[in-house]
C-alpha atoms as a PDB file:
ATOM      1  CA  MET A   1      18.106 -29.364 109.489  1.00  0.00           C
ATOM      2  CA  GLU A   2      16.753 -26.706 111.870  1.00  0.00           C
ATOM      3  CA  THR A   3      17.295 -23.077 110.983  1.00  0.00           C
ATOM      4  CA  TYR A   4      17.590 -20.554 113.785  1.00  0.00           C
ATOM      5  CA  LEU A   5      16.137 -17.205 112.842  1.00  0.00           C
ATOM      6  CA  ASP A   6      16.063 -15.729 116.300  1.00  0.00           C
ATOM      7  CA  PRO A   7      19.328 -14.312 117.567  1.00  0.00           C
ATOM      8  CA  PHE A   8      18.332 -15.021 121.126  1.00  0.00           C
ATOM      9  CA  ASP A   9      17.760 -18.686 120.397  1.00  0.00           C
ATOM     10  CA  ALA A  10      21.191 -18.883 118.735  1.00  0.00           C
ATOM     11  CA  LEU A  11      22.866 -17.114 121.653  1.00  0.00           C
ATOM     12  CA  GLY A  12      21.252 -19.544 124.138  1.00  0.00           C
ATOM     13  CA  ASP A  13      24.180 -21.884 123.566  1.00  0.00           C
ATOM     14  CA  PRO A  14      27.381 -20.966 125.513  1.00  0.00           C
ATOM     15  CA  THR A  15      29.644 -22.237 122.686  1.00  0.00           C
ATOM     16  CA  ARG A  16      27.962 -19.816 120.241  1.00  0.00           C
ATOM     17  CA  ARG A  17      28.400 -16.986 122.676  1.00  0.00           C
ATOM     18  CA  THR A  18      32.079 -17.809 122.995  1.00  0.00           C
ATOM     19  CA  ILE A  19      32.426 -17.846 119.228  1.00  0.00           C
ATOM     20  CA  LEU A  20      30.757 -14.462 118.959  1.00  0.00           C
ATOM     21  CA  GLU A  21      33.123 -13.158 121.627  1.00  0.00           C
ATOM     22  CA  LEU A  22      36.093 -14.428 119.697  1.00  0.00           C
ATOM     23  CA  LEU A  23      34.835 -12.717 116.589  1.00  0.00           C
ATOM     24  CA  ARG A  24      34.529  -9.456 118.423  1.00  0.00           C
ATOM     25  CA  SER A  25      38.178  -8.665 117.802  1.00  0.00           C
ATOM     26  CA  GLY A  26      37.811  -9.162 114.050  1.00  0.00           C
ATOM     27  CA  PRO A  27      37.035 -11.684 111.250  1.00  0.00           C
ATOM     28  CA  ARG A  28      38.591 -15.143 111.601  1.00  0.00           C
ATOM     29  CA  PRO A  29      38.666 -18.347 109.652  1.00  0.00           C
ATOM     30  CA  VAL A  30      37.066 -21.510 111.149  1.00  0.00           C
ATOM     31  CA  GLY A  31      40.424 -22.973 111.960  1.00  0.00           C
ATOM     32  CA  ALA A  32      41.479 -19.994 114.045  1.00  0.00           C
ATOM     33  CA  ILE A  33      38.219 -20.086 115.928  1.00  0.00           C
ATOM     34  CA  ALA A  34      38.400 -23.866 116.513  1.00  0.00           C
ATOM     35  CA  ALA A  35      41.992 -23.550 117.806  1.00  0.00           C
ATOM     36  CA  GLN A  36      40.688 -21.563 120.718  1.00  0.00           C
ATOM     37  CA  MET A  37      37.692 -23.821 121.467  1.00  0.00           C
ATOM     38  CA  THR A  38      37.242 -27.103 123.172  1.00  0.00           C
ATOM     39  CA  VAL A  39      34.934 -28.431 120.406  1.00  0.00           C
ATOM     40  CA  SER A  40      35.913 -29.832 117.009  1.00  0.00           C
ATOM     41  CA  ARG A  41      36.295 -27.818 113.841  1.00  0.00           C
ATOM     42  CA  PRO A  42      33.144 -29.366 112.318  1.00  0.00           C
ATOM     43  CA  ALA A  43      31.219 -28.434 115.497  1.00  0.00           C
ATOM     44  CA  VAL A  44      32.535 -24.833 115.233  1.00  0.00           C
ATOM     45  CA  SER A  45      31.336 -24.817 111.598  1.00  0.00           C
ATOM     46  CA  GLN A  46      27.868 -25.905 112.662  1.00  0.00           C
ATOM     47  CA  HIS A  47      27.699 -23.282 115.382  1.00  0.00           C
ATOM     48  CA  LEU A  48      28.841 -20.606 112.845  1.00  0.00           C
ATOM     49  CA  ARG A  49      26.020 -21.727 110.462  1.00  0.00           C
ATOM     50  CA  VAL A  50      23.508 -21.218 113.301  1.00  0.00           C
ATOM     51  CA  LEU A  51      24.889 -17.818 114.125  1.00  0.00           C
ATOM     52  CA  LYS A  52      24.814 -16.920 110.428  1.00  0.00           C
ATOM     53  CA  ASP A  53      21.225 -18.069 110.053  1.00  0.00           C
ATOM     54  CA  ALA A  54      20.337 -15.929 113.044  1.00  0.00           C
ATOM     55  CA  GLY A  55      21.917 -12.924 111.342  1.00  0.00           C
ATOM     56  CA  LEU A  56      24.659 -12.479 113.971  1.00  0.00           C
ATOM     57  CA  VAL A  57      27.621 -13.546 111.828  1.00  0.00           C
ATOM     58  CA  THR A  58      28.659 -12.829 108.198  1.00  0.00           C
ATOM     59  CA  ASP A  59      31.129 -14.672 106.116  1.00  0.00           C
ATOM     60  CA  ARG A  60      33.193 -13.762 103.067  1.00  0.00           C
ATOM     61  CA  ALA A  61      35.615 -15.665 100.896  1.00  0.00           C
ATOM     62  CA  GLU A  62      39.237 -14.829 101.149  1.00  0.00           C
ATOM     63  CA  GLY A  63      41.394 -16.996  98.911  1.00  0.00           C
ATOM     64  CA  ASN A  64      40.511 -20.631  99.607  1.00  0.00           C
ATOM     65  CA  ARG A  65      39.036 -19.971 103.083  1.00  0.00           C
ATOM     66  CA  ARG A  66      36.080 -18.214 104.576  1.00  0.00           C
ATOM     67  CA  LEU A  67      36.388 -15.395 107.123  1.00  0.00           C
ATOM     68  CA  TYR A  68      33.621 -15.031 109.701  1.00  0.00           C
ATOM     69  CA  GLY A  69      32.828 -11.860 111.486  1.00  0.00           C
ATOM     70  CA  VAL A  70      30.210 -10.202 113.663  1.00  0.00           C
ATOM     71  CA  SER A  71      27.247  -8.785 111.764  1.00  0.00           C
ATOM     72  CA  SER A  72      26.664  -5.284 112.986  1.00  0.00           C
ATOM     73  CA  GLN A  73      23.167  -5.352 111.362  1.00  0.00           C
ATOM     74  CA  GLY A  74      22.230  -8.475 113.251  1.00  0.00           C
ATOM     75  CA  LEU A  75      23.403  -7.129 116.582  1.00  0.00           C
ATOM     76  CA  GLU A  76      21.578  -3.844 115.869  1.00  0.00           C
ATOM     77  CA  ALA A  77      18.339  -5.780 115.318  1.00  0.00           C
ATOM     78  CA  ALA A  78      18.801  -7.654 118.633  1.00  0.00           C
ATOM     79  CA  ARG A  79      19.717  -4.430 120.462  1.00  0.00           C
ATOM     80  CA  SER A  80      16.601  -2.647 119.053  1.00  0.00           C
ATOM     81  CA  TYR A  81      14.415  -5.520 120.245  1.00  0.00           C
ATOM     82  CA  ILE A  82      15.864  -5.244 123.799  1.00  0.00           C
ATOM     83  CA  GLU A  83      15.600  -1.471 123.790  1.00  0.00           C
ATOM     84  CA  SER A  84      11.926  -1.711 122.892  1.00  0.00           C
ATOM     85  CA  PHE A  85      11.330  -2.866 126.511  1.00  0.00           C
ATOM     86  CA  TRP A  86      13.072   0.030 128.099  1.00  0.00           C
ATOM     87  CA  ASP A  87      10.182   2.548 128.032  1.00  0.00           C
ATOM     88  CA  GLY A  88       8.024   0.162 130.025  1.00  0.00           C
ATOM     89  CA  VAL A  89      10.801  -0.787 132.403  1.00  0.00           C
ATOM     90  CA  LEU A  90      11.766   2.807 133.093  1.00  0.00           C
ATOM     91  CA  ALA A  91       8.119   3.770 133.682  1.00  0.00           C
ATOM     92  CA  GLU A  92       7.730   0.949 136.171  1.00  0.00           C
ATOM     93  CA  PHE A  93      10.998   1.972 137.909  1.00  0.00           C
ATOM     94  CA  LYS A  94       9.793   5.600 138.150  1.00  0.00           C
ATOM     95  CA  GLN A  95       6.545   4.356 139.722  1.00  0.00           C
ATOM     96  CA  ALA A  96       8.457   2.324 142.239  1.00  0.00           C
ATOM     97  CA  VAL A  97      10.709   5.262 143.184  1.00  0.00           C
ATOM     98  CA  VAL A  98       7.711   7.576 143.513  1.00  0.00           C
ATOM     99  CA  ALA A  99       5.890   5.021 145.691  1.00  0.00           C
ATOM    100  CA  GLN A 100       8.948   4.614 147.904  1.00  0.00           C
ATOM    101  CA  GLN A 101       9.401   8.345 148.253  1.00  0.00           C
ATOM    102  CA  LYS A 102       5.711   8.663 149.198  1.00  0.00           C
ATOM    103  CA  GLU A 103       6.130   5.937 151.828  1.00  0.00           C
ATOM    104  CA  GLU A 104       9.218   7.647 153.262  1.00  0.00           C
ATOM    105  CA  ASP A 105       7.486  11.006 153.307  1.00  0.00           C
ATOM    106  CA  ASP A 106       4.344   9.492 155.010  1.00  0.00           C
ATOM    107  CA  GLY A 107       6.626   7.803 157.580  1.00  0.00           C
ATOM    108  CA  ASP A 108       8.197  11.079 158.671  1.00  0.00           C
END
């Protein structure tokens, strides 16, 4: 069995993104998630396992069922990774704006 450790790999699947969106409104059991999906309950369970292995979903026992919810820590790690690119992106954007302004000033 393959284990997904990278949240971006896990979110590459549209079904998993849909599941994460459903969990956005609060924890749910597998059955409630599967009821809103076009895939089977066992398939939802497999997708939840991938999301959990990627650190994007947590689970907890409540009576005889498990409730799945979004992991704020997992999302924070993914957000931090994306944000690590912003300094470079913003510096490149600034250079492009300065270059465009220079071209416009030279054209006048």
